[in-house]
């Protein structure tokens, strides 16, 4: 049995996924699947920088001349990206990726910075400001430079991006010296601006050892592709990286089709790299009957499908539980605390009957403390009393009795 106690974990854990143009082509289903996936961060691939500083993606214009114009071609894009971080969801961070194999964006950024600098009048500043103003939910820019490797202008670019409100993550697969210099110089200029290294361990970086890529003391996440191997093999590799390479999180390239199950991948990765602390667990869920399978602890609260996966529980994967006394569990068939439901106050259930492997969201709450109401009686002999077993007892000396309400039942006691 694999037991995942999610206490005292680092906020630097978690799971991420690169997201291609599929998110726009197949909306809104792709947006819903990402929200329910349990990935704690997403990287939107990608934003291209053209020679004149225009920002584009898949041949469509995002920002031009300091204005956000993507709505002309993608009228739902702003609302879709905002929705990724709007409950019900497990996503906590959104990044945009610049770069990739064959992408010349950083060559153009180099040339534009050498020509105009990074001041407020520069086209790069104006266009990235327009994007930030349109979608302030974008937290960071993911640097996937695979061609240019010009340290001086890259540092200036990311300093400018921090001024605009974007943090930086880096996604190297080679040229370690460049990345070391970039991370060090950016954070010397703007402490904390670069906050994560994401080493590619696939395609051109398939032979990378994550242990070699600890840069600037930053948290290190390591990535694989969803098509590189089967899911279990990839997750097993991530466990090895966690145990032997000081890797604190993982990511997957790339959500651009429906050939894989995002929720299964994310929940398994989150069991390897927990990112959410449970200081006061009140219930433990198990994926199999009789308290077997993987186990995850949760605190009091409400949890949608994406949040359950962020803690490590896959959708419809709860088969048994153990709960502290004094709490109540309510389970729902839909991802957002709606649909058919069932409630348990039992301290454990080795089998959950019809609800086994059916739960998509749930609520854990403390039962109300029994309350007492004092009632004055002028004649003590009229005040019948009952013990908690329902038996009548004699009240001989007191002119006062109490009504105790317990779990919806009224019981009169001395």
Protein backbone atom coordinates (compact mmCIF):
# COMPACT_ATOMS: atom_id res chain seq x y z
CA UNK A 1 0.00 0.00 0.00
CA UNK A 2 1.29 3.44 -0.94
CA UNK A 3 0.53 6.00 1.75
CA UNK A 4 0.86 9.69 0.98
CA UNK A 5 0.73 11.84 4.12
CA UNK A 6 0.44 15.36 2.81
CA UNK A 7 1.74 17.23 5.83
CA UNK A 8 4.67 19.64 5.98
CA UNK A 9 5.20 19.59 2.24
CA UNK A 10 6.90 22.24 0.18
CA UNK A 11 4.91 24.70 -1.86
CA UNK A 12 7.55 24.11 -4.53
CA UNK A 13 6.00 20.75 -5.43
CA UNK A 14 3.18 20.13 -7.83
CA UNK A 15 2.58 19.24 -11.45
CA UNK A 16 2.43 21.16 -14.70
CA UNK A 17 1.44 20.66 -18.31
CA UNK A 18 2.24 22.46 -21.54
CA UNK A 19 -0.93 23.28 -23.45
CA UNK A 20 -0.96 23.71 -27.24
CA UNK A 21 -3.44 25.37 -29.57
CA UNK A 22 -5.82 22.49 -28.85
CA UNK A 23 -7.14 24.57 -25.95
CA UNK A 24 -8.57 27.06 -28.44
CA UNK A 25 -9.59 24.66 -31.20
CA UNK A 26 -11.67 22.41 -28.97
CA UNK A 27 -12.95 24.87 -26.39
CA UNK A 28 -14.79 24.82 -24.05
CA UNK A 29 -14.24 21.09 -23.42
CA UNK A 30 -10.47 21.52 -23.23
CA UNK A 31 -10.83 24.27 -20.63
CA UNK A 32 -13.08 22.07 -18.50
CA UNK A 33 -10.67 19.13 -18.76
CA UNK A 34 -7.77 21.29 -17.65
CA UNK A 35 -9.74 22.64 -14.70
CA UNK A 36 -10.65 19.09 -13.65
CA UNK A 37 -7.19 17.67 -14.35
CA UNK A 38 -5.47 18.50 -11.09
CA UNK A 39 -2.38 19.97 -12.75
CA UNK A 40 -1.38 22.81 -10.46
CA UNK A 41 0.10 24.95 -13.22
CA UNK A 42 -0.29 25.22 -17.00
CA UNK A 43 2.07 26.66 -19.62
CA UNK A 44 0.30 28.06 -22.68
CA UNK A 45 2.39 27.19 -25.74
CA UNK A 46 3.27 29.51 -27.22
CA UNK A 47 3.65 33.25 -27.69
CA UNK A 48 5.86 34.19 -30.64
CA UNK A 49 7.65 37.52 -30.98
CA UNK A 50 7.76 38.73 -34.57
CA UNK A 51 10.42 40.99 -36.09
CA UNK A 52 8.37 44.12 -35.39
CA UNK A 53 7.54 43.05 -31.84
CA UNK A 54 4.04 41.83 -32.61
CA UNK A 55 2.96 38.90 -30.45
CA UNK A 56 1.38 35.97 -32.30
CA UNK A 57 0.39 32.35 -31.90
CA UNK A 58 -0.42 29.81 -34.62
CA UNK A 59 -0.36 32.63 -37.17
CA UNK A 60 -2.91 34.74 -35.30
CA UNK A 61 -2.11 38.12 -33.74
CA UNK A 62 -2.34 38.52 -29.97
CA UNK A 63 -0.94 42.03 -29.41
CA UNK A 64 0.12 44.65 -31.94
CA UNK A 65 1.19 48.28 -31.49
CA UNK A 66 0.56 48.12 -27.75
CA UNK A 67 -2.99 46.78 -28.03
CA UNK A 68 -4.55 43.40 -27.32
CA UNK A 69 -6.30 42.39 -30.56
CA UNK A 70 -6.64 38.62 -30.14
CA UNK A 71 -10.37 39.02 -29.49
CA UNK A 72 -10.84 39.71 -33.20
CA UNK A 73 -9.90 36.11 -33.97
CA UNK A 74 -10.38 34.39 -30.59
CA UNK A 75 -13.29 36.13 -28.83
CA UNK A 76 -13.36 33.63 -25.94
CA UNK A 77 -9.65 33.48 -25.17
CA UNK A 78 -9.60 35.96 -22.28
CA UNK A 79 -12.55 34.34 -20.53
CA UNK A 80 -11.11 30.86 -21.11
CA UNK A 81 -7.72 31.68 -19.61
CA UNK A 82 -9.35 33.44 -16.66
CA UNK A 83 -11.59 30.39 -16.15
CA UNK A 84 -8.57 28.13 -15.71
CA UNK A 85 -7.98 29.65 -12.26
CA UNK A 86 -11.66 30.10 -11.36
CA UNK A 87 -13.26 27.51 -9.06
CA UNK A 88 -13.97 24.65 -9.64
CA UNK A 89 -10.33 24.06 -10.58
CA UNK A 90 -7.02 22.76 -9.25
CA UNK A 91 -4.92 25.21 -11.30
CA UNK A 92 -3.02 27.81 -9.27
CA UNK A 93 -0.62 29.29 -11.83
CA UNK A 94 -0.66 30.15 -15.54
CA UNK A 95 2.41 30.79 -17.67
CA UNK A 96 3.02 31.64 -21.31
CA UNK A 97 5.88 29.94 -23.13
CA UNK A 98 8.19 31.82 -25.49
CA UNK A 99 10.51 29.70 -27.61
CA UNK A 100 10.81 26.07 -28.64
CA UNK A 101 12.68 24.21 -31.34
CA UNK A 102 12.87 26.26 -34.56
CA UNK A 103 11.39 29.34 -32.86
CA UNK A 104 13.28 32.59 -33.50
CA UNK A 105 11.56 34.73 -30.85
CA UNK A 106 14.67 35.29 -28.75
CA UNK A 107 16.71 36.33 -31.78
CA UNK A 108 14.04 38.96 -32.43
CA UNK A 109 13.91 39.95 -28.76
CA UNK A 110 17.71 40.40 -28.86
CA UNK A 111 17.49 42.64 -31.93
CA UNK A 112 14.57 44.70 -30.62
CA UNK A 113 16.23 45.30 -27.24
CA UNK A 114 19.47 46.33 -28.93
CA UNK A 115 17.47 48.78 -31.05
CA UNK A 116 14.91 50.15 -28.55
CA UNK A 117 15.86 48.99 -25.05
CA UNK A 118 13.20 47.90 -22.56
CA UNK A 119 11.68 51.26 -21.59
CA UNK A 120 7.97 51.96 -21.51
CA UNK A 121 8.02 53.27 -25.07
CA UNK A 122 9.61 50.11 -26.50
CA UNK A 123 7.36 47.82 -28.50
CA UNK A 124 8.18 44.80 -26.36
CA UNK A 125 7.17 46.63 -23.20
CA UNK A 126 3.96 47.95 -24.76
CA UNK A 127 2.83 44.64 -26.23
CA UNK A 128 3.55 42.52 -23.17
CA UNK A 129 1.87 45.17 -21.02
CA UNK A 130 -1.20 44.97 -23.25
CA UNK A 131 -1.27 41.20 -22.75
CA UNK A 132 -0.89 41.53 -18.97
CA UNK A 133 -3.62 44.16 -18.83
CA UNK A 134 -5.98 41.93 -20.82
CA UNK A 135 -5.22 38.77 -18.83
CA UNK A 136 -3.69 39.62 -15.45
CA UNK A 137 -4.14 35.96 -14.45
CA UNK A 138 -0.98 35.12 -16.43
CA UNK A 139 1.66 34.79 -13.73
CA UNK A 140 4.90 34.05 -15.54
CA UNK A 141 6.78 33.65 -18.81
CA UNK A 142 8.43 30.31 -19.49
CA UNK A 143 11.75 30.72 -21.34
CA UNK A 144 12.32 27.88 -23.82
CA UNK A 145 15.15 29.46 -25.79
CA UNK A 146 16.68 26.72 -27.94
CA UNK A 147 18.64 28.83 -30.45
CA UNK A 148 19.70 32.36 -29.50
CA UNK A 149 21.35 32.04 -26.07
CA UNK A 150 22.27 35.72 -25.73
CA UNK A 151 22.64 36.30 -21.99
CA UNK A 152 22.74 40.10 -22.01
CA UNK A 153 19.45 40.72 -23.80
CA UNK A 154 17.73 37.73 -22.18
CA UNK A 155 18.47 39.19 -18.74
CA UNK A 156 17.15 42.60 -19.80
CA UNK A 157 14.02 41.00 -21.22
CA UNK A 158 13.17 39.13 -18.03
CA UNK A 159 13.92 42.16 -15.86
CA UNK A 160 11.41 44.07 -18.01
CA UNK A 161 8.89 41.25 -17.68
CA UNK A 162 9.20 41.36 -13.89
CA UNK A 163 8.49 45.09 -13.99
CA UNK A 164 5.30 44.23 -15.86
CA UNK A 165 4.28 41.65 -13.28
CA UNK A 166 5.50 38.43 -14.90
CA UNK A 167 7.77 36.03 -13.09
CA UNK A 168 10.17 33.81 -15.04
CA UNK A 169 10.68 30.06 -15.30
CA UNK A 170 13.34 28.46 -17.48
CA UNK A 171 13.05 25.24 -19.49
CA UNK A 172 16.56 24.19 -20.58
CA UNK A 173 17.63 21.03 -22.33
CA UNK A 174 21.25 21.98 -23.12
CA UNK A 175 23.81 24.82 -22.80
CA UNK A 176 23.95 24.83 -19.00
CA UNK A 177 26.33 27.78 -18.75
CA UNK A 178 23.85 30.08 -20.47
CA UNK A 179 21.04 29.10 -18.09
CA UNK A 180 23.23 29.44 -15.01
CA UNK A 181 24.17 32.97 -16.05
CA UNK A 182 20.60 33.89 -16.93
CA UNK A 183 19.09 32.70 -13.65
CA UNK A 184 21.86 34.26 -11.55
CA UNK A 185 21.83 37.65 -13.26
CA UNK A 186 18.05 37.99 -13.40
CA UNK A 187 17.70 37.27 -9.70
CA UNK A 188 20.61 39.53 -8.82
CA UNK A 189 18.81 42.35 -10.59
CA UNK A 190 15.30 41.44 -9.41
CA UNK A 191 15.42 39.01 -6.46
CA UNK A 192 12.86 36.25 -6.88
CA UNK A 193 12.00 37.15 -10.46
CA UNK A 194 13.06 33.69 -11.67
CA UNK A 195 11.55 31.08 -9.37
CA UNK A 196 11.65 27.67 -11.08
CA UNK A 197 13.87 25.51 -13.28
CA UNK A 198 12.08 22.99 -15.53
CA UNK A 199 14.58 20.58 -17.04
CA UNK A 200 13.54 18.80 -20.24
CA UNK A 201 14.20 15.06 -20.01
CA UNK A 202 12.73 14.18 -23.38
CA UNK A 203 13.50 14.55 -27.09
CA UNK A 204 16.80 16.50 -27.31
CA UNK A 205 17.15 16.37 -23.52
CA UNK A 206 16.23 12.70 -23.11
CA UNK A 207 19.62 11.87 -21.61
CA UNK A 208 19.59 14.71 -19.10
CA UNK A 209 20.20 13.88 -15.45
CA UNK A 210 18.18 16.34 -13.33
CA UNK A 211 20.91 16.29 -10.68
CA UNK A 212 23.05 18.31 -13.10
CA UNK A 213 20.49 21.11 -13.41
CA UNK A 214 20.19 22.69 -9.99
CA UNK A 215 20.59 26.34 -10.92
CA UNK A 216 20.74 29.30 -8.56
CA UNK A 217 19.28 27.37 -5.64
CA UNK A 218 15.87 27.30 -7.34
CA UNK A 219 13.33 24.48 -7.08
CA UNK A 220 13.76 21.95 -9.86
CA UNK A 221 10.96 20.29 -11.81
CA UNK A 222 11.69 17.59 -14.38
CA UNK A 223 9.55 16.76 -17.38
CA UNK A 224 8.58 13.97 -19.73
CA UNK A 225 6.22 13.72 -22.67
CA UNK A 226 2.83 12.06 -22.47
CA UNK A 227 3.84 9.86 -25.43
CA UNK A 228 7.38 8.99 -24.28
CA UNK A 229 6.29 5.91 -22.32
CA UNK A 230 3.14 4.72 -20.60
CA UNK A 231 1.99 6.76 -17.61
CA UNK A 232 3.11 4.33 -14.91
CA UNK A 233 6.66 4.22 -16.29
CA UNK A 234 6.86 8.01 -16.41
CA UNK A 235 5.51 8.39 -12.87
CA UNK A 236 7.97 5.76 -11.64
CA UNK A 237 10.78 7.77 -13.24
CA UNK A 238 9.54 10.87 -11.42
CA UNK A 239 9.67 8.98 -8.12
CA UNK A 240 13.30 8.14 -8.86
CA UNK A 241 14.07 11.78 -9.60
CA UNK A 242 12.39 12.82 -6.36
CA UNK A 243 14.32 10.30 -4.29
CA UNK A 244 17.72 10.64 -5.95
CA UNK A 245 17.94 14.00 -7.72
CA UNK A 246 16.22 16.46 -5.34
CA UNK A 247 13.45 17.08 -7.90
CA UNK A 248 10.43 18.70 -6.24
CA UNK A 249 7.89 18.66 -9.09
CA UNK A 250 7.12 17.34 -12.54
CA UNK A 251 5.63 18.48 -15.82
CA UNK A 252 4.36 16.94 -19.05
CA UNK A 253 4.70 17.95 -22.67
CA UNK A 254 2.04 18.36 -24.23
CA UNK A 255 -1.77 18.60 -24.08
CA UNK A 256 -2.58 18.94 -27.75
CA UNK A 257 -4.92 16.00 -28.34
CA UNK A 258 -7.24 13.63 -26.47
CA UNK A 259 -5.06 10.51 -26.53
CA UNK A 260 -4.31 10.64 -22.78
CA UNK A 261 -6.12 11.16 -19.50
CA UNK A 262 -5.02 14.42 -17.88
CA UNK A 263 -6.64 13.67 -14.53
CA UNK A 264 -4.96 10.27 -14.20
CA UNK A 265 -1.55 11.73 -14.98
CA UNK A 266 -1.89 14.78 -12.73
CA UNK A 267 -3.24 12.91 -9.70
CA UNK A 268 -0.46 10.30 -9.95
CA UNK A 269 2.18 13.04 -10.27
CA UNK A 270 0.71 14.93 -7.32
CA UNK A 271 1.09 11.84 -5.15
CA UNK A 272 4.79 11.90 -6.03
CA UNK A 273 5.15 15.69 -5.69
CA UNK A 274 2.56 16.92 -3.16
CA UNK A 275 2.07 20.67 -3.14
CA UNK A 276 -0.78 21.18 -0.68
CA UNK A 277 -0.24 21.00 3.05
CA UNK A 278 -2.61 19.12 5.34
CA UNK A 279 -1.90 20.36 8.85
CA UNK A 280 -5.03 18.89 10.43
CA UNK A 281 -6.15 15.80 8.50
CA UNK A 282 -9.57 14.46 9.46
CA UNK A 283 -10.12 11.76 6.86
CA UNK A 284 -8.05 9.28 4.84
CA UNK A 285 -9.35 8.07 1.48
CA UNK A 286 -8.27 4.82 -0.17
CA UNK A 287 -8.47 3.87 -3.82
CA UNK A 288 -9.43 0.24 -3.06
CA UNK A 289 -11.87 -1.47 -0.74
CA UNK A 290 -10.88 -2.42 2.79
CA UNK A 291 -8.45 0.50 3.16
CA UNK A 292 -6.06 -0.65 0.46
CA UNK A 293 -4.53 0.98 -2.59
CA UNK A 294 -3.03 4.45 -2.45
CA UNK A 295 -4.15 6.63 0.45
CA UNK A 296 -4.49 10.40 0.74
CA UNK A 297 -5.38 12.51 3.77
CA UNK A 298 -7.63 15.58 3.56
CA UNK A 299 -8.59 18.33 6.01
CA UNK A 300 -12.02 19.78 6.63
CA UNK A 301 -13.33 21.67 3.58
CA UNK A 302 -14.85 21.39 0.12
CA UNK A 303 -13.06 19.82 -2.82
CA UNK A 304 -13.90 19.85 -6.53
CA UNK A 305 -12.48 17.28 -8.95
CA UNK A 306 -9.41 19.37 -9.77
CA UNK A 307 -8.67 20.03 -6.11
CA UNK A 308 -8.98 16.34 -5.21
CA UNK A 309 -6.51 15.52 -7.99
CA UNK A 310 -4.19 18.28 -6.78
CA UNK A 311 -4.07 16.40 -3.47
CA UNK A 312 -3.49 13.14 -5.35
CA UNK A 313 -6.98 11.61 -5.61
CA UNK A 314 -8.01 10.68 -9.15
CA UNK A 315 -11.57 11.26 -10.30
CA UNK A 316 -13.97 8.49 -9.23
CA UNK A 317 -11.15 6.69 -7.42
CA UNK A 318 -12.37 6.58 -3.80
CA UNK A 319 -13.43 3.14 -2.55
CA UNK A 320 -13.08 3.32 1.27
CA UNK A 321 -12.26 5.81 4.03
CA UNK A 322 -11.43 6.33 7.69
CA UNK A 323 -12.68 9.52 9.38
CA UNK A 324 -12.19 11.09 12.78
CA UNK A 325 -15.27 11.08 15.03
CA UNK A 326 -17.41 14.19 14.95
CA UNK A 327 -17.18 14.78 11.19
CA UNK A 328 -19.47 14.29 8.23
CA UNK A 329 -18.61 13.38 4.66
CA UNK A 330 -20.88 14.36 1.76
CA UNK A 331 -19.96 13.03 -1.69
CA UNK A 332 -21.23 14.27 -5.06
CA UNK A 333 -21.39 12.69 -8.49
CA UNK A 334 -20.47 15.90 -10.36
CA UNK A 335 -17.13 17.78 -10.30
CA UNK A 336 -18.53 20.90 -8.60
CA UNK A 337 -20.51 19.72 -5.54
CA UNK A 338 -23.67 19.18 -7.56
CA UNK A 339 -25.66 16.21 -8.77
CA UNK A 340 -26.68 13.18 -6.73
CA UNK A 341 -25.08 12.99 -3.30
CA UNK A 342 -24.68 10.82 -0.23
CA UNK A 343 -23.67 11.57 3.36
CA UNK A 344 -21.72 9.50 5.91
CA UNK A 345 -21.16 10.14 9.61
CA UNK A 346 -19.58 6.72 10.20
CA UNK A 347 -15.96 6.78 11.29
CA UNK A 348 -15.00 4.36 8.55
CA UNK A 349 -16.34 2.54 5.53
CA UNK A 350 -14.46 -0.45 4.16
CA UNK A 351 -16.85 -0.46 1.21
CA UNK A 352 -18.94 2.44 0.01
CA UNK A 353 -21.63 0.47 -1.79
CA UNK A 354 -23.02 2.17 -4.87
CA UNK A 355 -20.71 5.14 -4.22
CA UNK A 356 -17.49 3.20 -4.54
CA UNK A 357 -15.38 4.68 -7.37
CA UNK A 358 -18.12 7.17 -8.19
CA UNK A 359 -17.16 10.32 -6.25
CA UNK A 360 -16.11 13.41 -8.22
CA UNK A 361 -16.30 16.08 -5.50
CA UNK A 362 -16.92 16.15 -1.78
CA UNK A 363 -17.40 18.12 1.39
CA UNK A 364 -15.94 17.34 4.82
CA UNK A 365 -17.46 19.24 7.73
CA UNK A 366 -17.56 19.08 11.49
CA UNK A 367 -20.84 17.99 13.06
CA UNK A 368 -22.57 20.58 15.17
CA UNK A 369 -21.81 20.43 18.89
CA UNK A 370 -24.86 19.32 20.91
CA UNK A 371 -26.66 22.28 22.47
CA UNK A 372 -28.60 22.51 25.74
CA UNK A 373 -31.69 24.63 26.39
CA UNK A 374 -32.73 25.31 29.97
CA UNK A 375 -36.45 25.19 30.65
CA UNK A 376 -37.89 26.38 33.96
CA UNK A 377 -40.74 24.37 35.50
CA UNK A 378 -42.95 25.60 38.36
CA UNK A 379 -43.79 22.01 39.25
CA UNK A 380 -40.88 19.63 39.35
CA UNK A 381 -43.13 16.59 39.20
CA UNK A 382 -44.24 17.68 35.68
CA UNK A 383 -40.68 17.55 34.37
CA UNK A 384 -40.24 14.03 33.07
CA UNK A 385 -36.63 13.10 32.42
CA UNK A 386 -35.06 10.59 30.05
CA UNK A 387 -31.56 9.28 29.80
CA UNK A 388 -29.64 9.02 26.51
CA UNK A 389 -31.00 5.52 25.98
CA UNK A 390 -34.54 6.90 25.99
CA UNK A 391 -35.53 5.49 29.44
CA UNK A 392 -37.59 7.66 31.76
CA UNK A 393 -35.87 8.64 34.99
CA UNK A 394 -37.25 10.34 38.09
CA UNK A 395 -36.41 13.98 38.67
CA UNK A 396 -37.00 14.39 42.39
CA UNK A 397 -35.01 17.40 43.48
CA UNK A 398 -34.76 19.84 40.66
CA UNK A 399 -37.32 22.18 39.29
CA UNK A 400 -35.32 22.44 36.12
CA UNK A 401 -34.86 20.03 33.25
CA UNK A 402 -32.77 20.27 30.08
CA UNK A 403 -33.56 19.53 26.49
CA UNK A 404 -30.50 18.23 24.65
CA UNK A 405 -30.53 18.15 20.87
CA UNK A 406 -28.30 15.44 19.44
CA UNK A 407 -28.17 14.63 15.74
CA UNK A 408 -31.67 15.98 15.23
CA UNK A 409 -33.26 14.14 18.21
CA UNK A 410 -34.70 15.94 21.23
CA UNK A 411 -33.98 14.17 24.52
CA UNK A 412 -35.02 15.54 27.95
CA UNK A 413 -32.45 14.82 30.63
CA UNK A 414 -31.72 16.00 34.18
